[in-house]
């Protein structure tokens, strides 16, 4: 199943909305969008994961790469809207405390 990505600008924040499964087949597309935002040194990149049904290790690697990229220029990467299933994957990989994870868009923007 293909991934659907859309961008929204809110102040200095870029919100990247993701729909579908983030896996070995689709993570390169997400990686490209995140890399563009990191290369542009966006102060805050927020990933809306409310439409993400599944994340595999390549999807996690894509998000970790973006997180590391933002830290190099003191930017922020925030995630919000993780489903119970997706949050379970983050917990299994012990990443829930590595990422700034918010419940809602408003919380992610305020954080």
Protein backbone atom coordinates (compact mmCIF):
# COMPACT_ATOMS: atom_id res chain seq x y z
CA UNK A 1 0.00 0.00 0.00
CA UNK A 2 1.48 3.39 -0.94
CA UNK A 3 2.12 6.04 1.67
CA UNK A 4 0.39 9.42 1.53
CA UNK A 5 2.34 12.50 2.64
CA UNK A 6 1.14 16.08 2.97
CA UNK A 7 2.83 19.23 4.29
CA UNK A 8 1.43 22.11 6.30
CA UNK A 9 3.24 25.23 7.52
CA UNK A 10 2.29 26.66 10.91
CA UNK A 11 4.54 29.53 11.93
CA UNK A 12 8.09 28.18 12.00
CA UNK A 13 6.85 24.60 12.17
CA UNK A 14 6.56 22.19 9.27
CA UNK A 15 3.89 19.57 9.86
CA UNK A 16 4.33 16.44 7.77
CA UNK A 17 1.21 14.27 7.81
CA UNK A 18 1.75 10.59 7.07
CA UNK A 19 -0.93 8.04 6.13
CA UNK A 20 -0.47 4.32 5.62
CA UNK A 21 2.25 1.90 6.65
CA UNK A 22 5.80 3.17 7.12
CA UNK A 23 7.81 0.15 6.08
CA UNK A 24 10.69 -0.98 3.88
CA UNK A 25 8.68 -0.14 0.75
CA UNK A 26 7.44 3.30 1.81
CA UNK A 27 10.06 4.68 4.20
CA UNK A 28 12.33 6.00 1.39
CA UNK A 29 9.58 8.46 0.39
CA UNK A 30 9.22 9.66 3.99
CA UNK A 31 13.01 9.80 4.34
CA UNK A 32 13.19 12.11 1.30
CA UNK A 33 10.62 14.52 2.73
CA UNK A 34 12.32 14.57 6.12
CA UNK A 35 15.77 14.98 4.57
CA UNK A 36 14.52 18.02 2.60
CA UNK A 37 13.19 19.58 5.82
CA UNK A 38 16.41 18.85 7.71
CA UNK A 39 18.59 20.22 4.88
CA UNK A 40 16.44 23.38 4.95
CA UNK A 41 17.18 23.53 8.71
CA UNK A 42 13.51 23.83 9.64
CA UNK A 43 13.40 24.90 13.33
CA UNK A 44 10.62 22.44 14.16
CA UNK A 45 9.53 19.42 12.15
CA UNK A 46 6.35 17.79 13.39
CA UNK A 47 5.28 14.41 12.07
CA UNK A 48 1.54 13.74 12.25
CA UNK A 49 1.23 9.98 12.66
CA UNK A 50 -2.52 9.77 13.27
CA UNK A 51 -2.93 8.02 9.89
CA UNK A 52 -0.04 5.57 10.37
CA UNK A 53 -1.23 2.01 10.88
CA UNK A 54 2.16 0.29 11.07
CA UNK A 55 5.87 1.12 11.43
CA UNK A 56 8.71 -1.34 10.89
CA UNK A 57 12.43 -1.03 11.65
CA UNK A 58 13.12 0.88 8.44
CA UNK A 59 10.43 3.40 9.39
CA UNK A 60 11.99 3.79 12.84
CA UNK A 61 15.42 4.22 11.24
CA UNK A 62 14.02 6.97 9.00
CA UNK A 63 12.65 8.87 12.00
CA UNK A 64 15.87 8.38 14.00
CA UNK A 65 17.90 9.72 11.06
CA UNK A 66 15.70 12.83 10.93
CA UNK A 67 15.97 13.28 14.70
CA UNK A 68 19.76 13.11 14.54
CA UNK A 69 19.74 15.56 11.62
CA UNK A 70 17.67 18.15 13.51
CA UNK A 71 19.91 17.89 16.59
CA UNK A 72 22.93 18.90 14.47
CA UNK A 73 21.47 22.40 14.01
CA UNK A 74 19.50 22.58 17.29
CA UNK A 75 16.20 21.96 15.55
CA UNK A 76 13.36 19.84 16.87
CA UNK A 77 11.60 16.74 15.60
CA UNK A 78 8.26 16.01 17.26
CA UNK A 79 5.78 13.23 16.67
CA UNK A 80 2.09 13.15 17.52
CA UNK A 81 -0.97 10.99 17.14
CA UNK A 82 0.69 7.58 17.47
CA UNK A 83 -1.85 4.77 17.53
CA UNK A 84 -1.64 2.15 20.24
CA UNK A 85 -0.03 -0.27 17.76
CA UNK A 86 2.58 2.22 16.58
CA UNK A 87 3.34 3.34 20.15
CA UNK A 88 3.83 -0.33 21.00
CA UNK A 89 6.56 -0.55 18.35
CA UNK A 90 8.27 2.54 19.80
CA UNK A 91 8.10 1.01 23.29
CA UNK A 92 9.41 -2.33 22.06
CA UNK A 93 12.38 -0.52 20.52
CA UNK A 94 12.70 1.60 23.69
CA UNK A 95 12.35 4.82 21.68
CA UNK A 96 9.39 6.39 23.49
CA UNK A 97 11.74 8.55 25.59
CA UNK A 98 14.12 9.41 22.73
CA UNK A 99 11.45 11.21 20.68
CA UNK A 100 9.27 14.13 21.74
CA UNK A 101 5.87 12.44 21.42
CA UNK A 102 2.65 14.39 21.90
CA UNK A 103 -0.95 13.21 21.89
CA UNK A 104 -2.33 16.02 19.74
CA UNK A 105 -1.29 18.50 17.06
CA UNK A 106 -1.88 21.37 19.50
CA UNK A 107 0.43 19.79 22.08
CA UNK A 108 3.13 19.21 19.47
CA UNK A 109 2.92 22.84 18.31
CA UNK A 110 2.93 24.15 21.88
CA UNK A 111 5.81 21.92 23.04
